[in-house]
Amino acid sequence: MNQYILQIIYLIASVTFIIGLKFLGNPATARKGNLIAAFGMTIAIFGTIFLYTYDENGEAKHLHNLPLIFGALVVGTVLGWIAAKKVQMTAMPEMVSLFNGMGGACAMLISIIEFQHLTENPNLDFASLPVGHILTIIIGMIIGSISFAGSMVAWGKLSGNVKDKSFGKQQFINVGLMLVILLMAYMVVFNGGENAVSLFYGVLVLSLIYGVLFVMPIGGADMPVVISLLNSFTGVAAACGGFLYDNKVMLVGGILVGSAGTLLTIVMCKAMNRSLLNVLIGNFGGGSKGEAAGSSTFEGSIKEVSASDAAILMRYAKKVIIVPGYGLAVAQAQHVVHDLELLLESEGIEVKYAIHPVAGRMPGHMNVLLAESNVSYDKLVEMEEINPEFNTTDVVLVVGANDVVNPAAKTDPNSPIYGMPILDVENAANVIVNKRSMKAGYAGIENELFYKPKTSMLFGDAKKALTQLVSEIKALG
């Protein structure tokens, strides 16, 4: 009876994963989706611990080392809860990379342990084992190792502790290394024999090295794509674990994560108008991060605006669009920008937010950031929908964004961002750009928008500048 109850629990959990993923597609239901999927995972975990199945001989299979299992559950739950509660929105991409790396590490360890069981069991002839079983083990190990090592490098780069590093012919070296890994994996599966163990651990080491070399040269602007891609790797590795244990819920969860991560990677590449291959070899956003204001080759000059003048411009506008960028997250100014929105609306001014798919440092970063400050979901308008509205907008306020509003994406074929869809803020009647300085964005290039006659620069920390802007608007009555 227990095994049938367990299968029913797995079915319920699988359904909750699908429903939860569906709800994540809408900001208004995303929180509910997380809770539904978490409930499914919880019942699957406890069902696995307390219920049992039968092996091919009809003997019940129980889990052992329950104190260790529950100890790990408690430690993991406490650490995860504390991390999630304390993390700042600016550090959310780093936490996502770190947690994703832990998923890859789990898949890697599962493969290692299962391989050890096979090779250390004197009653098993390694050469006679099903090829599919060995193949699943080594695929899970390779993908999990790459995901783990790559995610750790991504975590280090996002936190500023690891710099972009590349060397001549690195992409060719990466390709060569992957071919060696695949060749050694083939030998483990089909010609392992006495050398199977040493070959297996050789593949493990090379996969970890490949994960590091794979992510190390990729530039900062491409990190949202890399995070999505590594997330899909972790899902595929987890699905391999589901095959190994004939665990349906683990298989479904891994497939959903892998497919969702793959689709998100495609969406991110489309938003940047770049192929995945170009992302992996293009180093977009690496290296130099811009120059001083005085070194520009653009016609025109920088026009600085005071908070009081910006307040007058916005107070007497009919329509204002706010463009959030990573600078908003760095300054933790999401609550102040919401206060500004409410103040303008109280004066009868229409306010919307223009959301670029790759604004921030992870997919959906701006949506999550603004949702934290209770911005209404219907005010968050995606790029394709908001672009036609800039022509009828009186003032655009760009807060901490750079490359996603850079006209070079449309006008300069030599620009590294050429062809990337951008927010057409230059079509508005007036553009106010809030930045700390004239330092360039991830792409490391200057922005011609800042030199346009309709553009005014409001320099300073976003939180302080917006707070002063709110005060000035209130003073106007």
Foldseek 3Di string as FASTA:
>chain_A
DLVVVLVVLLVLLLVLLVVLVVLCVALVRNVVSVVSNVVSVVSNVVSLQPGWDADPVRDTDHDPPVVVVVVVVVVVVVVVVVCVVPDALLLVLLVLLQVLLVLLVVLLVLLVVVVCVQVVDPVHDLQPDDLVLLLLSLLLNLLSLLLNLLSVQLSCVSVPNAAQDDDPPLVVVLVVLVVVLVVLSVCLRNVPPPVNVVSSVVSNVSSNVSSNSQNRNQFQLLQQLVSLQSQLSSLSSQLSVCVNVVRSSSNSSSVVRNVVSVVLSVVVCVLLVHDPVCRRPVNFLHDAWADAQVVDPFPFHFAADELLVVLVQLLPWQEEEEEEASLCSVLLQLLLVVVVCVLSVVSNHHYAYEYRQSGRRHGCSVVVSNVVNVDDSVRYDYQVVCQVVQLVGAEYEYEHDAPQAACCLDVPPPQPSPVRHHRPNVNHQAYEYEEQHQTHDSRNDGGNSSRDPRYHYHHDRRNVSSVSSSVSNVVVD
